[in-house]
Amino acid sequence: QDLDCGGLCNAIEKVTPALNGKHFS
């Protein structure tokens, strides 16, 4: 799931691997 929880979710998604261009938190 791509949660929109603000800065923390954005930070998690920025430093963890994507799958087919999608980032998950």
mmCIF file of all heavy atoms, coordinates in Angstrom:
data_MODEL
# 
_entry.id   MODEL 
# 
loop_
_atom_site.group_PDB 
_atom_site.id 
_atom_site.type_symbol 
_atom_site.label_atom_id 
_atom_site.label_alt_id 
_atom_site.label_comp_id 
_atom_site.label_asym_id 
_atom_site.label_entity_id 
_atom_site.label_seq_id 
_atom_site.pdbx_PDB_ins_code 
_atom_site.Cartn_x 
_atom_site.Cartn_y 
_atom_site.Cartn_z 
_atom_site.occupancy 
_atom_site.B_iso_or_equiv 
_atom_site.pdbx_formal_charge 
_atom_site.auth_seq_id 
_atom_site.auth_comp_id 
_atom_site.auth_asym_id 
_atom_site.auth_atom_id 
_atom_site.pdbx_PDB_model_num 
ATOM 1   N N   . GLN A 1 1  ? 0.825  -1.204 0.000   1.00 0.00 ? 1  GLN A N   1 
ATOM 2   C CA  . GLN A 1 1  ? 0.000  0.000  0.000   1.00 0.00 ? 1  GLN A CA  1 
ATOM 3   C C   . GLN A 1 1  ? 0.864  1.262  0.000   1.00 0.00 ? 1  GLN A C   1 
ATOM 4   O O   . GLN A 1 1  ? 1.865  1.355  0.715   1.00 0.00 ? 1  GLN A O   1 
ATOM 5   C CB  . GLN A 1 1  ? -0.902 -0.015 1.229   1.00 0.00 ? 1  GLN A CB  1 
ATOM 6   C CG  . GLN A 1 1  ? -1.995 1.042  1.247   1.00 0.00 ? 1  GLN A CG  1 
ATOM 7   C CD  . GLN A 1 1  ? -3.021 0.733  2.334   1.00 0.00 ? 1  GLN A CD  1 
ATOM 8   O OE1 . GLN A 1 1  ? -2.679 0.478  3.474   1.00 0.00 ? 1  GLN A OE1 1 
ATOM 9   N NE2 . GLN A 1 1  ? -4.292 0.766  1.970   1.00 0.00 ? 1  GLN A NE2 1 
ATOM 10  N N   . ASP A 1 2  ? 0.446  2.206  -0.821  1.00 0.00 ? 2  ASP A N   1 
ATOM 11  C CA  . ASP A 1 2  ? 1.041  3.535  -0.827  1.00 0.00 ? 2  ASP A CA  1 
ATOM 12  C C   . ASP A 1 2  ? 0.160  4.416  0.049   1.00 0.00 ? 2  ASP A C   1 
ATOM 13  O O   . ASP A 1 2  ? -0.886 4.897  -0.385  1.00 0.00 ? 2  ASP A O   1 
ATOM 14  C CB  . ASP A 1 2  ? 1.109  4.070  -2.263  1.00 0.00 ? 2  ASP A CB  1 
ATOM 15  C CG  . ASP A 1 2  ? 1.648  5.495  -2.343  1.00 0.00 ? 2  ASP A CG  1 
ATOM 16  O OD1 . ASP A 1 2  ? 1.928  6.104  -1.293  1.00 0.00 ? 2  ASP A OD1 1 
ATOM 17  O OD2 . ASP A 1 2  ? 1.781  6.000  -3.474  1.00 0.00 ? 2  ASP A OD2 1 
ATOM 18  N N   . LEU A 1 3  ? 0.584  4.585  1.303   1.00 0.00 ? 3  LEU A N   1 
ATOM 19  C CA  . LEU A 1 3  ? -0.163 5.440  2.221   1.00 0.00 ? 3  LEU A CA  1 
ATOM 20  C C   . LEU A 1 3  ? 0.288  6.884  2.051   1.00 0.00 ? 3  LEU A C   1 
ATOM 21  O O   . LEU A 1 3  ? 1.478  7.155  1.893   1.00 0.00 ? 3  LEU A O   1 
ATOM 22  C CB  . LEU A 1 3  ? 0.081  5.012  3.670   1.00 0.00 ? 3  LEU A CB  1 
ATOM 23  C CG  . LEU A 1 3  ? -0.625 3.763  4.176   1.00 0.00 ? 3  LEU A CG  1 
ATOM 24  C CD1 . LEU A 1 3  ? -0.196 3.485  5.612   1.00 0.00 ? 3  LEU A CD1 1 
ATOM 25  C CD2 . LEU A 1 3  ? -2.137 3.919  4.098   1.00 0.00 ? 3  LEU A CD2 1 
ATOM 26  N N   . ASP A 1 4  ? -0.648 7.796  2.108   1.00 0.00 ? 4  ASP A N   1 
ATOM 27  C CA  . ASP A 1 4  ? -0.302 9.215  2.084   1.00 0.00 ? 4  ASP A CA  1 
ATOM 28  C C   . ASP A 1 4  ? -0.385 9.741  3.516   1.00 0.00 ? 4  ASP A C   1 
ATOM 29  O O   . ASP A 1 4  ? -1.391 10.309 3.928   1.00 0.00 ? 4  ASP A O   1 
ATOM 30  C CB  . ASP A 1 4  ? -1.268 9.972  1.160   1.00 0.00 ? 4  ASP A CB  1 
ATOM 31  C CG  . ASP A 1 4  ? -1.128 9.531  -0.283  1.00 0.00 ? 4  ASP A CG  1 
ATOM 32  O OD1 . ASP A 1 4  ? 0.012  9.274  -0.703  1.00 0.00 ? 4  ASP A OD1 1 
ATOM 33  O OD2 . ASP A 1 4  ? -2.151 9.442  -0.981  1.00 0.00 ? 4  ASP A OD2 1 
ATOM 34  N N   . CYS A 1 5  ? 0.696  9.511  4.274   1.00 0.00 ? 5  CYS A N   1 
ATOM 35  C CA  . CYS A 1 5  ? 0.673  9.899  5.687   1.00 0.00 ? 5  CYS A CA  1 
ATOM 36  C C   . CYS A 1 5  ? 1.611  11.074 5.958   1.00 0.00 ? 5  CYS A C   1 
ATOM 37  O O   . CYS A 1 5  ? 2.022  11.296 7.084   1.00 0.00 ? 5  CYS A O   1 
ATOM 38  C CB  . CYS A 1 5  ? 1.013  8.706  6.578   1.00 0.00 ? 5  CYS A CB  1 
ATOM 39  S SG  . CYS A 1 5  ? 2.733  8.155  6.502   1.00 0.00 ? 5  CYS A SG  1 
ATOM 40  N N   . GLY A 1 6  ? 1.965  11.802 4.894   1.00 0.00 ? 6  GLY A N   1 
ATOM 41  C CA  . GLY A 1 6  ? 2.794  12.974 5.100   1.00 0.00 ? 6  GLY A CA  1 
ATOM 42  C C   . GLY A 1 6  ? 4.279  12.684 5.007   1.00 0.00 ? 6  GLY A C   1 
ATOM 43  O O   . GLY A 1 6  ? 4.715  11.788 4.276   1.00 0.00 ? 6  GLY A O   1 
ATOM 44  N N   . GLY A 1 7  ? 5.056  13.425 5.780   1.00 0.00 ? 7  GLY A N   1 
ATOM 45  C CA  . GLY A 1 7  ? 6.507  13.385 5.680   1.00 0.00 ? 7  GLY A CA  1 
ATOM 46  C C   . GLY A 1 7  ? 7.125  12.027 5.936   1.00 0.00 ? 7  GLY A C   1 
ATOM 47  O O   . GLY A 1 7  ? 8.084  11.649 5.252   1.00 0.00 ? 7  GLY A O   1 
ATOM 48  N N   . LEU A 1 8  ? 6.589  11.272 6.890   1.00 0.00 ? 8  LEU A N   1 
ATOM 49  C CA  . LEU A 1 8  ? 7.176  9.971  7.197   1.00 0.00 ? 8  LEU A CA  1 
ATOM 50  C C   . LEU A 1 8  ? 6.988  8.997  6.041   1.00 0.00 ? 8  LEU A C   1 
ATOM 51  O O   . LEU A 1 8  ? 7.922  8.285  5.654   1.00 0.00 ? 8  LEU A O   1 
ATOM 52  C CB  . LEU A 1 8  ? 6.576  9.392  8.486   1.00 0.00 ? 8  LEU A CB  1 
ATOM 53  C CG  . LEU A 1 8  ? 6.933  10.120 9.781   1.00 0.00 ? 8  LEU A CG  1 
ATOM 54  C CD1 . LEU A 1 8  ? 6.310  9.398  10.965  1.00 0.00 ? 8  LEU A CD1 1 
ATOM 55  C CD2 . LEU A 1 8  ? 8.439  10.217 9.961   1.00 0.00 ? 8  LEU A CD2 1 
ATOM 56  N N   . CYS A 1 9  ? 5.776  8.940  5.486   1.00 0.00 ? 9  CYS A N   1 
ATOM 57  C CA  . CYS A 1 9  ? 5.553  8.039  4.348   1.00 0.00 ? 9  CYS A CA  1 
ATOM 58  C C   . CYS A 1 9  ? 6.400  8.452  3.152   1.00 0.00 ? 9  CYS A C   1 
ATOM 59  O O   . CYS A 1 9  ? 6.974  7.602  2.465   1.00 0.00 ? 9  CYS A O   1 
ATOM 60  C CB  . CYS A 1 9  ? 4.075  8.034  3.965   1.00 0.00 ? 9  CYS A CB  1 
ATOM 61  S SG  . CYS A 1 9  ? 3.029  7.036  5.060   1.00 0.00 ? 9  CYS A SG  1 
ATOM 62  N N   . ASN A 1 10 ? 6.488  9.747  2.932   1.00 0.00 ? 10 ASN A N   1 
ATOM 63  C CA  . ASN A 1 10 ? 7.315  10.222 1.815   1.00 0.00 ? 10 ASN A CA  1 
ATOM 64  C C   . ASN A 1 10 ? 8.772  9.829  2.011   1.00 0.00 ? 10 ASN A C   1 
ATOM 65  O O   . ASN A 1 10 ? 9.453  9.423  1.054   1.00 0.00 ? 10 ASN A O   1 
ATOM 66  C CB  . ASN A 1 10 ? 7.201  11.743 1.688   1.00 0.00 ? 10 ASN A CB  1 
ATOM 67  C CG  . ASN A 1 10 ? 5.815  12.186 1.268   1.00 0.00 ? 10 ASN A CG  1 
ATOM 68  O OD1 . ASN A 1 10 ? 5.054  11.409 0.709   1.00 0.00 ? 10 ASN A OD1 1 
ATOM 69  N ND2 . ASN A 1 10 ? 5.482  13.432 1.558   1.00 0.00 ? 10 ASN A ND2 1 
ATOM 70  N N   . ALA A 1 11 ? 9.251  9.926  3.245   1.00 0.00 ? 11 ALA A N   1 
ATOM 71  C CA  . ALA A 1 11 ? 10.644 9.572  3.541   1.00 0.00 ? 11 ALA A CA  1 
ATOM 72  C C   . ALA A 1 11 ? 10.882 8.083  3.345   1.00 0.00 ? 11 ALA A C   1 
ATOM 73  O O   . ALA A 1 11 ? 11.898 7.664  2.777   1.00 0.00 ? 11 ALA A O   1 
ATOM 74  C CB  . ALA A 1 11 ? 10.998 9.991  4.966   1.00 0.00 ? 11 ALA A CB  1 
ATOM 75  N N   . ILE A 1 12 ? 9.934  7.260  3.820   1.00 0.00 ? 12 ILE A N   1 
ATOM 76  C CA  . ILE A 1 12 ? 10.051 5.808  3.649   1.00 0.00 ? 12 ILE A CA  1 
ATOM 77  C C   . ILE A 1 12 ? 10.119 5.464  2.170   1.00 0.00 ? 12 ILE A C   1 
ATOM 78  O O   . ILE A 1 12 ? 10.974 4.687  1.719   1.00 0.00 ? 12 ILE A O   1 
ATOM 79  C CB  . ILE A 1 12 ? 8.863  5.082  4.319   1.00 0.00 ? 12 ILE A CB  1 
ATOM 80  C CG1 . ILE A 1 12 ? 8.943  5.209  5.847   1.00 0.00 ? 12 ILE A CG1 1 
ATOM 81  C CG2 . ILE A 1 12 ? 8.833  3.602  3.916   1.00 0.00 ? 12 ILE A CG2 1 
ATOM 82  C CD1 . ILE A 1 12 ? 7.687  4.760  6.569   1.00 0.00 ? 12 ILE A CD1 1 
ATOM 83  N N   . GLU A 1 13 ? 9.222  6.043  1.406   1.00 0.00 ? 13 GLU A N   1 
ATOM 84  C CA  . GLU A 1 13 ? 9.134  5.699  -0.015  1.00 0.00 ? 13 GLU A CA  1 
ATOM 85  C C   . GLU A 1 13 ? 10.360 6.172  -0.792  1.00 0.00 ? 13 GLU A C   1 
ATOM 86  O O   . GLU A 1 13 ? 10.745 5.558  -1.790  1.00 0.00 ? 13 GLU A O   1 
ATOM 87  C CB  . GLU A 1 13 ? 7.845  6.278  -0.596  1.00 0.00 ? 13 GLU A CB  1 
ATOM 88  C CG  . GLU A 1 13 ? 6.601  5.590  -0.026  1.00 0.00 ? 13 GLU A CG  1 
ATOM 89  C CD  . GLU A 1 13 ? 5.294  6.241  -0.448  1.00 0.00 ? 13 GLU A CD  1 
ATOM 90  O OE1 . GLU A 1 13 ? 5.341  7.146  -1.308  1.00 0.00 ? 13 GLU A OE1 1 
ATOM 91  O OE2 . GLU A 1 13 ? 4.239  5.848  0.072   1.00 0.00 ? 13 GLU A OE2 1 
ATOM 92  N N   . LYS A 1 14 ? 11.000 7.249  -0.315  1.00 0.00 ? 14 LYS A N   1 
ATOM 93  C CA  . LYS A 1 14 ? 12.141 7.798  -1.046  1.00 0.00 ? 14 LYS A CA  1 
ATOM 94  C C   . LYS A 1 14 ? 13.395 6.943  -0.901  1.00 0.00 ? 14 LYS A C   1 
ATOM 95  O O   . LYS A 1 14 ? 14.273 6.959  -1.770  1.00 0.00 ? 14 LYS A O   1 
ATOM 96  C CB  . LYS A 1 14 ? 12.421 9.229  -0.590  1.00 0.00 ? 14 LYS A CB  1 
ATOM 97  C CG  . LYS A 1 14 ? 13.382 9.996  -1.498  1.00 0.00 ? 14 LYS A CG  1 
ATOM 98  C CD  . LYS A 1 14 ? 13.416 11.464 -1.164  1.00 0.00 ? 14 LYS A CD  1 
ATOM 99  C CE  . LYS A 1 14 ? 14.326 12.212 -2.143  1.00 0.00 ? 14 LYS A CE  1 
ATOM 100 N NZ  . LYS A 1 14 ? 14.369 13.668 -1.843  1.00 0.00 ? 14 LYS A NZ  1 
ATOM 101 N N   . VAL A 1 15 ? 13.502 6.197  0.207   1.00 0.00 ? 15 VAL A N   1 
ATOM 102 C CA  . VAL A 1 15 ? 14.747 5.446  0.461   1.00 0.00 ? 15 VAL A CA  1 
ATOM 103 C C   . VAL A 1 15 ? 14.558 3.935  0.370   1.00 0.00 ? 15 VAL A C   1 
ATOM 104 O O   . VAL A 1 15 ? 15.480 3.175  0.676   1.00 0.00 ? 15 VAL A O   1 
ATOM 105 C CB  . VAL A 1 15 ? 15.356 5.807  1.841   1.00 0.00 ? 15 VAL A CB  1 
ATOM 106 C CG1 . VAL A 1 15 ? 15.682 7.282  1.911   1.00 0.00 ? 15 VAL A CG1 1 
ATOM 107 C CG2 . VAL A 1 15 ? 14.435 5.399  2.986   1.00 0.00 ? 15 VAL A CG2 1 
ATOM 108 N N   . THR A 1 16 ? 13.382 3.481  -0.045  1.00 0.00 ? 16 THR A N   1 
ATOM 109 C CA  . THR A 1 16 ? 13.143 2.038  -0.159  1.00 0.00 ? 16 THR A CA  1 
ATOM 110 C C   . THR A 1 16 ? 12.822 1.691  -1.610  1.00 0.00 ? 16 THR A C   1 
ATOM 111 O O   . THR A 1 16 ? 12.397 2.542  -2.384  1.00 0.00 ? 16 THR A O   1 
ATOM 112 C CB  . THR A 1 16 ? 11.989 1.581  0.764   1.00 0.00 ? 16 THR A CB  1 
ATOM 113 O OG1 . THR A 1 16 ? 10.794 2.300  0.435   1.00 0.00 ? 16 THR A OG1 1 
ATOM 114 C CG2 . THR A 1 16 ? 12.344 1.823  2.228   1.00 0.00 ? 16 THR A CG2 1 
ATOM 115 N N   . PRO A 1 17 ? 13.043 0.422  -2.008  1.00 0.00 ? 17 PRO A N   1 
ATOM 116 C CA  . PRO A 1 17 ? 12.897 0.046  -3.419  1.00 0.00 ? 17 PRO A CA  1 
ATOM 117 C C   . PRO A 1 17 ? 11.470 0.211  -3.933  1.00 0.00 ? 17 PRO A C   1 
ATOM 118 O O   . PRO A 1 17 ? 10.499 -0.038 -3.214  1.00 0.00 ? 17 PRO A O   1 
ATOM 119 C CB  . PRO A 1 17 ? 13.296 -1.436 -3.435  1.00 0.00 ? 17 PRO A CB  1 
ATOM 120 C CG  . PRO A 1 17 ? 14.066 -1.653 -2.184  1.00 0.00 ? 17 PRO A CG  1 
ATOM 121 C CD  . PRO A 1 17 ? 13.514 -0.696 -1.183  1.00 0.00 ? 17 PRO A CD  1 
ATOM 122 N N   . ALA A 1 18 ? 11.357 0.630  -5.178  1.00 0.00 ? 18 ALA A N   1 
ATOM 123 C CA  . ALA A 1 18 ? 10.065 0.708  -5.850  1.00 0.00 ? 18 ALA A CA  1 
ATOM 124 C C   . ALA A 1 18 ? 9.820  -0.597 -6.603  1.00 0.00 ? 18 ALA A C   1 
ATOM 125 O O   . ALA A 1 18 ? 10.733 -1.385 -6.826  1.00 0.00 ? 18 ALA A O   1 
ATOM 126 C CB  . ALA A 1 18 ? 10.040 1.885  -6.810  1.00 0.00 ? 18 ALA A CB  1 
ATOM 127 N N   . LEU A 1 19 ? 8.589  -0.813 -6.987  1.00 0.00 ? 19 LEU A N   1 
ATOM 128 C CA  . LEU A 1 19 ? 8.224  -1.951 -7.848  1.00 0.00 ? 19 LEU A CA  1 
ATOM 129 C C   . LEU A 1 19 ? 7.463  -1.388 -9.036  1.00 0.00 ? 19 LEU A C   1 
ATOM 130 O O   . LEU A 1 19 ? 6.388  -0.807 -8.871  1.00 0.00 ? 19 LEU A O   1 
ATOM 131 C CB  . LEU A 1 19 ? 7.351  -2.947 -7.083  1.00 0.00 ? 19 LEU A CB  1 
ATOM 132 C CG  . LEU A 1 19 ? 6.966  -4.196 -7.876  1.00 0.00 ? 19 LEU A CG  1 
ATOM 133 C CD1 . LEU A 1 19 ? 8.157  -5.164 -7.975  1.00 0.00 ? 19 LEU A CD1 1 
ATOM 134 C CD2 . LEU A 1 19 ? 5.770  -4.895 -7.242  1.00 0.00 ? 19 LEU A CD2 1 
ATOM 135 N N   . ASN A 1 20 ? 8.045  -1.531 -10.217 1.00 0.00 ? 20 ASN A N   1 
ATOM 136 C CA  . ASN A 1 20 ? 7.423  -0.998 -11.435 1.00 0.00 ? 20 ASN A CA  1 
ATOM 137 C C   . ASN A 1 20 ? 7.061  0.480  -11.281 1.00 0.00 ? 20 ASN A C   1 
ATOM 138 O O   . ASN A 1 20 ? 5.990  0.927  -11.712 1.00 0.00 ? 20 ASN A O   1 
ATOM 139 C CB  . ASN A 1 20 ? 6.171  -1.808 -11.800 1.00 0.00 ? 20 ASN A CB  1 
ATOM 140 C CG  . ASN A 1 20 ? 6.493  -3.266 -12.071 1.00 0.00 ? 20 ASN A CG  1 
ATOM 141 O OD1 . ASN A 1 20 ? 7.581  -3.592 -12.536 1.00 0.00 ? 20 ASN A OD1 1 
ATOM 142 N ND2 . ASN A 1 20 ? 5.550  -4.152 -11.777 1.00 0.00 ? 20 ASN A ND2 1 
ATOM 143 N N   . GLY A 1 21 ? 7.955  1.215  -10.611 1.00 0.00 ? 21 GLY A N   1 
ATOM 144 C CA  . GLY A 1 21 ? 7.758  2.649  -10.445 1.00 0.00 ? 21 GLY A CA  1 
ATOM 145 C C   . GLY A 1 21 ? 6.850  3.045  -9.301  1.00 0.00 ? 21 GLY A C   1 
ATOM 146 O O   . GLY A 1 21 ? 6.639  4.233  -9.064  1.00 0.00 ? 21 GLY A O   1 
ATOM 147 N N   . LYS A 1 22 ? 6.313  2.064  -8.590  1.00 0.00 ? 22 LYS A N   1 
ATOM 148 C CA  . LYS A 1 22 ? 5.422  2.362  -7.463  1.00 0.00 ? 22 LYS A CA  1 
ATOM 149 C C   . LYS A 1 22 ? 6.170  2.174  -6.141  1.00 0.00 ? 22 LYS A C   1 
ATOM 150 O O   . LYS A 1 22 ? 6.911  1.209  -5.966  1.00 0.00 ? 22 LYS A O   1 
ATOM 151 C CB  . LYS A 1 22 ? 4.177  1.471  -7.508  1.00 0.00 ? 22 LYS A CB  1 
ATOM 152 C CG  . LYS A 1 22 ? 3.275  1.767  -8.710  1.00 0.00 ? 22 LYS A CG  1 
ATOM 153 C CD  . LYS A 1 22 ? 2.054  0.858  -8.714  1.00 0.00 ? 22 LYS A CD  1 
ATOM 154 C CE  . LYS A 1 22 ? 1.029  1.332  -9.749  1.00 0.00 ? 22 LYS A CE  1 
ATOM 155 N NZ  . LYS A 1 22 ? 1.507  1.173  -11.126 1.00 0.00 ? 22 LYS A NZ  1 
ATOM 156 N N   . HIS A 1 23 ? 5.934  3.106  -5.221  1.00 0.00 ? 23 HIS A N   1 
ATOM 157 C CA  . HIS A 1 23 ? 6.587  3.067  -3.911  1.00 0.00 ? 23 HIS A CA  1 
ATOM 158 C C   . HIS A 1 23 ? 5.560  2.730  -2.836  1.00 0.00 ? 23 HIS A C   1 
ATOM 159 O O   . HIS A 1 23 ? 4.417  3.194  -2.884  1.00 0.00 ? 23 HIS A O   1 
ATOM 160 C CB  . HIS A 1 23 ? 7.223  4.422  -3.591  1.00 0.00 ? 23 HIS A CB  1 
ATOM 161 C CG  . HIS A 1 23 ? 8.396  4.740  -4.458  1.00 0.00 ? 23 HIS A CG  1 
ATOM 162 N ND1 . HIS A 1 23 ? 9.690  4.441  -4.100  1.00 0.00 ? 23 HIS A ND1 1 
ATOM 163 C CD2 . HIS A 1 23 ? 8.469  5.334  -5.673  1.00 0.00 ? 23 HIS A CD2 1 
ATOM 164 C CE1 . HIS A 1 23 ? 10.509 4.835  -5.053  1.00 0.00 ? 23 HIS A CE1 1 
ATOM 165 N NE2 . HIS A 1 23 ? 9.800  5.383  -6.022  1.00 0.00 ? 23 HIS A NE2 1 
ATOM 166 N N   . PHE A 1 24 ? 5.992  1.954  -1.848  1.00 0.00 ? 24 PHE A N   1 
ATOM 167 C CA  . PHE A 1 24 ? 5.083  1.504  -0.796  1.00 0.00 ? 24 PHE A CA  1 
ATOM 168 C C   . PHE A 1 24 ? 5.580  1.932  0.588   1.00 0.00 ? 24 PHE A C   1 
ATOM 169 O O   . PHE A 1 24 ? 6.776  1.907  0.862   1.00 0.00 ? 24 PHE A O   1 
ATOM 170 C CB  . PHE A 1 24 ? 4.947  -0.022 -0.819  1.00 0.00 ? 24 PHE A CB  1 
ATOM 171 C CG  . PHE A 1 24 ? 4.662  -0.565 -2.186  1.00 0.00 ? 24 PHE A CG  1 
ATOM 172 C CD1 . PHE A 1 24 ? 5.552  -1.431 -2.818  1.00 0.00 ? 24 PHE A CD1 1 
ATOM 173 C CD2 . PHE A 1 24 ? 3.503  -0.209 -2.869  1.00 0.00 ? 24 PHE A CD2 1 
ATOM 174 C CE1 . PHE A 1 24 ? 5.305  -1.927 -4.082  1.00 0.00 ? 24 PHE A CE1 1 
ATOM 175 C CE2 . PHE A 1 24 ? 3.242  -0.702 -4.135  1.00 0.00 ? 24 PHE A CE2 1 
ATOM 176 C CZ  . PHE A 1 24 ? 4.142  -1.565 -4.743  1.00 0.00 ? 24 PHE A CZ  1 
ATOM 177 N N   . SER A 1 25 ? 4.612  2.276  1.434   1.00 0.00 ? 25 SER A N   1 
ATOM 178 C CA  . SER A 1 25 ? 4.942  2.613  2.818   1.00 0.00 ? 25 SER A CA  1 
ATOM 179 C C   . SER A 1 25 ? 4.237  1.691  3.814   1.00 0.00 ? 25 SER A C   1 
ATOM 180 O O   . SER A 1 25 ? 4.410  1.839  5.030   1.00 0.00 ? 25 SER A O   1 
ATOM 181 C CB  . SER A 1 25 ? 4.571  4.074  3.109   1.00 0.00 ? 25 SER A CB  1 
ATOM 182 O OG  . SER A 1 25 ? 3.282  4.378  2.608   1.00 0.00 ? 25 SER A OG  1 
# 
